[in-house]
Amino acid sequence: MDNGLQLDEMLATLGAGRPDVLALRETSGATIRYAELSRRTTALRHAFRELGMTPGDQVLFSVRPSIDAVVLAAAGLERLSFRVTPEGRLQGDAVPDGLLATVLEPEIMLPCVGQGALGIEVRADDERIAVICERLNHFNTRQCVTAERAFLRAMGGGCESPIAAYAEVVGNQIRLRAASFRDGAARRGEARRDLQEPVALGEQLAAELR
């Protein structure tokens, strides 16, 4: 960049100035806004630095046919019946031989709040549909998402904030891991509480990271 900005800094500026402006459009029609693009690049920058990379190192992501590296959603790969072998290779139908891959575990890069959970909206006065949807509800997932959303709300953030959280049920407790990349500083934390206290857990961890 002529102005000396790194990619994540440039996207952070664009994300703050025009968060809802379209940044990318895939051939499938999927879109991504500058705010979300900024959040993802900020998280990746901190992950690279924790792996030992310095600001002077270069990481290239090519958009030409000869792609050097790409970050994909694991859920999409699973739907395509692709898998990453213990030797670090991607296998699946029509996958080129020798293609290397690695899984970014939550220890490396936490997802944004509520990822992987499906929400169903019903009319307020439609009791019949509400009863049906209640039977579809998965209690542990709901408690985890409630903890993550409570954390995000207590942090004063939204879907455009550089904030990540991942909750999981461990025995009779919820384990919540979270990270905030606001103001260019990476702050991470973890807390546990009873399975019946998701809101208190989210608010507790937010108080520690603010």
Protein backbone atom coordinates (compact mmCIF):
# COMPACT_ATOMS: atom_id res chain seq x y z
CA MET A 1 0.00 0.00 0.00
CA ASP A 2 1.33 3.45 -0.91
CA ASN A 3 0.22 4.92 2.44
CA GLY A 4 2.14 2.30 4.42
CA LEU A 5 -0.93 0.61 5.91
CA GLN A 6 -1.01 -3.15 6.38
CA LEU A 7 -3.99 -5.02 4.96
CA ASP A 8 -5.74 -5.48 8.31
CA GLU A 9 -5.24 -1.79 9.15
CA MET A 10 -6.67 -0.72 5.82
CA LEU A 11 -9.72 -2.99 6.26
CA ALA A 12 -10.19 -1.77 9.85
CA THR A 13 -10.36 1.80 8.52
CA LEU A 14 -12.87 0.80 5.86
CA GLY A 15 -14.85 -1.29 8.34
CA ALA A 16 -15.16 1.66 10.74
CA GLY A 17 -16.02 4.18 8.04
CA ARG A 18 -18.46 2.13 5.98
CA PRO A 19 -19.21 -1.18 7.75
CA ASP A 20 -22.23 -2.07 5.64
CA VAL A 21 -20.60 -1.49 2.24
CA LEU A 22 -20.12 -4.62 0.14
CA ALA A 23 -16.48 -5.75 0.10
CA LEU A 24 -16.61 -9.10 -1.70
CA ARG A 25 -19.12 -11.04 -3.78
CA GLU A 26 -18.60 -14.72 -4.58
CA THR A 27 -19.72 -16.35 -7.81
CA SER A 28 -22.33 -18.21 -5.74
CA GLY A 29 -23.90 -14.86 -4.82
CA ALA A 30 -22.67 -14.84 -1.21
CA THR A 31 -21.45 -11.44 0.02
CA ILE A 32 -19.27 -10.09 2.80
CA ARG A 33 -19.20 -6.55 4.18
CA TYR A 34 -16.13 -4.52 5.15
CA ALA A 35 -16.91 -4.82 8.88
CA GLU A 36 -16.86 -8.64 8.76
CA LEU A 37 -13.78 -8.68 6.51
CA SER A 38 -12.00 -6.43 9.00
CA ARG A 39 -12.92 -8.69 11.93
CA ARG A 40 -11.59 -11.79 10.19
CA THR A 41 -8.29 -10.25 9.09
CA THR A 42 -7.68 -8.85 12.59
CA ALA A 43 -8.17 -12.29 14.13
CA LEU A 44 -5.83 -13.87 11.57
CA ARG A 45 -3.14 -11.24 12.20
CA HIS A 46 -3.09 -12.03 15.90
CA ALA A 47 -3.03 -15.77 15.19
CA PHE A 48 -0.03 -15.36 12.86
CA ARG A 49 1.85 -13.30 15.44
CA GLU A 50 1.19 -15.89 18.13
CA LEU A 51 2.77 -18.45 15.79
CA GLY A 52 5.97 -16.37 15.82
CA MET A 53 5.51 -14.16 12.77
CA THR A 54 6.64 -10.54 12.96
CA PRO A 55 5.18 -7.44 11.26
CA GLY A 56 8.01 -7.63 8.71
CA ASP A 57 7.03 -11.11 7.53
CA GLN A 58 4.77 -11.44 4.52
CA VAL A 59 1.81 -13.75 4.06
CA LEU A 60 0.35 -13.85 0.59
CA PHE A 61 -3.20 -14.91 -0.25
CA SER A 62 -3.54 -15.18 -4.01
CA VAL A 63 -6.85 -14.65 -5.80
CA ARG A 64 -5.37 -15.91 -9.08
CA PRO A 65 -6.09 -19.45 -10.38
CA SER A 66 -2.86 -20.63 -8.72
CA ILE A 67 -4.01 -20.17 -5.12
CA ASP A 68 -1.30 -20.30 -2.46
CA ALA A 69 -3.62 -20.44 0.55
CA VAL A 70 -7.29 -20.06 1.41
CA VAL A 71 -9.33 -20.16 4.64
CA LEU A 72 -12.54 -22.20 4.33
CA ALA A 73 -15.41 -23.07 6.67
CA ALA A 74 -15.00 -26.57 8.10
CA ALA A 75 -18.78 -27.08 7.97
CA GLY A 76 -18.74 -26.61 4.19
CA LEU A 77 -15.94 -29.12 3.76
CA GLU A 78 -17.81 -31.65 5.90
CA ARG A 79 -20.95 -31.25 3.78
CA LEU A 80 -18.82 -32.04 0.72
CA SER A 81 -17.47 -35.14 2.52
CA PHE A 82 -13.95 -33.70 2.50
CA ARG A 83 -11.58 -34.46 5.35
CA VAL A 84 -8.17 -33.40 6.61
CA THR A 85 -5.95 -36.42 7.25
CA PRO A 86 -3.63 -36.72 10.29
CA GLU A 87 -0.77 -36.13 7.83
CA GLY A 88 -2.19 -32.72 6.92
CA ARG A 89 -3.67 -33.47 3.50
CA LEU A 90 -7.12 -32.63 2.17
CA GLN A 91 -8.99 -35.60 0.75
CA GLY A 92 -12.31 -35.76 -1.06
CA ASP A 93 -13.99 -36.08 -4.44
CA ALA A 94 -12.05 -34.16 -7.15
CA VAL A 95 -9.50 -32.78 -4.65
CA PRO A 96 -6.08 -32.51 -6.36
CA ASP A 97 -3.42 -34.88 -5.04
CA GLY A 98 -0.97 -33.41 -2.57
CA LEU A 99 -3.17 -30.51 -1.43
CA LEU A 100 -2.10 -29.61 2.11
CA ALA A 101 -4.56 -28.52 4.79
CA THR A 102 -4.79 -27.84 8.49
CA VAL A 103 -7.69 -27.26 10.84
CA LEU A 104 -7.78 -23.95 12.73
CA GLU A 105 -8.91 -25.19 16.14
CA PRO A 106 -10.58 -22.79 18.62
CA GLU A 107 -7.23 -22.63 20.45
CA ILE A 108 -5.87 -20.81 17.39
CA MET A 109 -8.86 -18.84 16.12
CA LEU A 110 -12.13 -18.48 18.00
CA PRO A 111 -15.31 -18.07 15.92
CA CYS A 112 -17.66 -15.13 16.20
CA VAL A 113 -20.68 -15.45 18.48
CA GLY A 114 -23.36 -18.00 17.63
CA GLN A 115 -21.53 -19.72 14.79
CA GLY A 116 -22.96 -23.12 13.84
CA ALA A 117 -26.25 -22.62 15.70
CA LEU A 118 -29.56 -22.33 13.88
CA GLY A 119 -32.24 -19.96 15.10
CA ILE A 120 -35.91 -20.26 14.14
CA GLU A 121 -38.18 -17.22 14.33
CA VAL A 122 -41.93 -17.71 14.79
CA ARG A 123 -44.91 -15.39 15.12
CA ALA A 124 -45.52 -14.27 18.71
CA ASP A 125 -49.13 -15.52 18.73
CA ASP A 126 -48.54 -18.82 16.87
CA GLU A 127 -48.62 -21.26 19.79
CA ARG A 128 -48.88 -24.34 17.55
CA ILE A 129 -45.64 -23.59 15.70
CA ALA A 130 -43.95 -22.49 18.94
CA VAL A 131 -44.64 -25.91 20.48
CA ILE A 132 -43.22 -27.66 17.41
CA CYS A 133 -40.08 -25.51 17.44
CA GLU A 134 -39.59 -26.07 21.16
CA ARG A 135 -39.30 -29.79 20.46
CA LEU A 136 -36.53 -29.00 17.98
CA ASN A 137 -34.61 -27.02 20.58
CA HIS A 138 -31.27 -28.48 21.73
CA PHE A 139 -30.82 -27.42 25.33
CA ASN A 140 -27.02 -27.50 25.53
CA THR A 141 -26.63 -25.55 22.29
CA ARG A 142 -29.12 -22.94 23.48
CA GLN A 143 -27.26 -22.49 26.76
CA CYS A 144 -23.93 -22.11 24.95
CA VAL A 145 -25.28 -19.56 22.49
CA THR A 146 -26.95 -17.68 25.35
CA ALA A 147 -23.59 -17.42 27.14
CA GLU A 148 -21.85 -16.20 23.97
CA ARG A 149 -24.54 -13.60 23.25
CA ALA A 150 -24.51 -12.40 26.86
CA PHE A 151 -20.75 -11.90 26.56
CA LEU A 152 -21.11 -9.94 23.32
CA ARG A 153 -23.90 -7.79 24.72
CA ALA A 154 -21.95 -7.04 27.90
CA MET A 155 -18.93 -6.06 25.78
CA GLY A 156 -21.14 -3.54 23.99
CA GLY A 157 -20.51 -5.22 20.67
CA GLY A 158 -22.51 -6.50 17.73
CA CYS A 159 -22.06 -8.63 14.64
CA GLU A 160 -19.60 -6.08 13.24
CA SER A 161 -17.32 -5.99 16.32
CA PRO A 162 -13.87 -7.65 16.41
CA ILE A 163 -15.02 -9.95 19.22
CA ALA A 164 -15.07 -13.75 19.32
CA ALA A 165 -16.55 -16.27 21.75
CA TYR A 166 -16.91 -20.04 21.90
CA ALA A 167 -18.88 -21.93 24.55
CA GLU A 168 -19.12 -25.66 25.11
CA VAL A 169 -20.71 -27.91 27.71
CA VAL A 170 -18.25 -29.78 29.93
CA GLY A 171 -20.04 -32.01 32.42
CA ASN A 172 -22.52 -29.82 34.30
CA GLN A 173 -20.75 -26.59 33.39
CA ILE A 174 -20.39 -24.25 30.44
CA ARG A 175 -16.83 -23.43 29.42
CA LEU A 176 -16.63 -20.06 27.67
CA ARG A 177 -13.54 -18.86 25.82
CA ALA A 178 -13.50 -15.38 24.33
CA ALA A 179 -11.26 -12.81 22.68
CA SER A 180 -11.47 -9.12 21.91
CA PHE A 181 -9.33 -7.33 19.31
CA ARG A 182 -10.60 -3.82 19.94
CA ASP A 183 -8.11 -0.95 19.86
CA GLY A 184 -5.50 -3.20 18.24
CA ALA A 185 -4.87 -5.16 21.45
CA ALA A 186 -5.64 -8.86 21.78
CA ARG A 187 -7.33 -9.75 25.05
CA ARG A 188 -8.31 -13.36 25.75
CA GLY A 189 -10.06 -15.01 28.65
CA GLU A 190 -11.84 -18.12 29.85
CA ALA A 191 -14.43 -18.83 32.52
CA ARG A 192 -16.78 -21.60 33.66
CA ARG A 193 -20.09 -21.65 35.46
CA ASP A 194 -23.03 -23.95 36.06
CA LEU A 195 -25.00 -25.00 32.98
CA GLN A 196 -28.00 -23.08 34.30
CA GLU A 197 -26.09 -19.75 34.45
CA PRO A 198 -25.20 -18.85 30.84
CA VAL A 199 -26.02 -15.14 31.12
CA ALA A 200 -24.02 -14.70 34.32
CA LEU A 201 -21.10 -16.52 32.70
CA GLY A 202 -21.07 -14.25 29.66
CA GLU A 203 -21.31 -11.10 31.77
CA GLN A 204 -18.56 -12.33 34.11
CA LEU A 205 -16.07 -12.92 31.31
CA ALA A 206 -16.94 -9.62 29.63
CA ALA A 207 -16.21 -7.80 32.88
CA GLU A 208 -12.78 -9.44 32.97
CA LEU A 209 -11.91 -8.48 29.37
CA ARG A 210 -13.27 -4.93 29.25
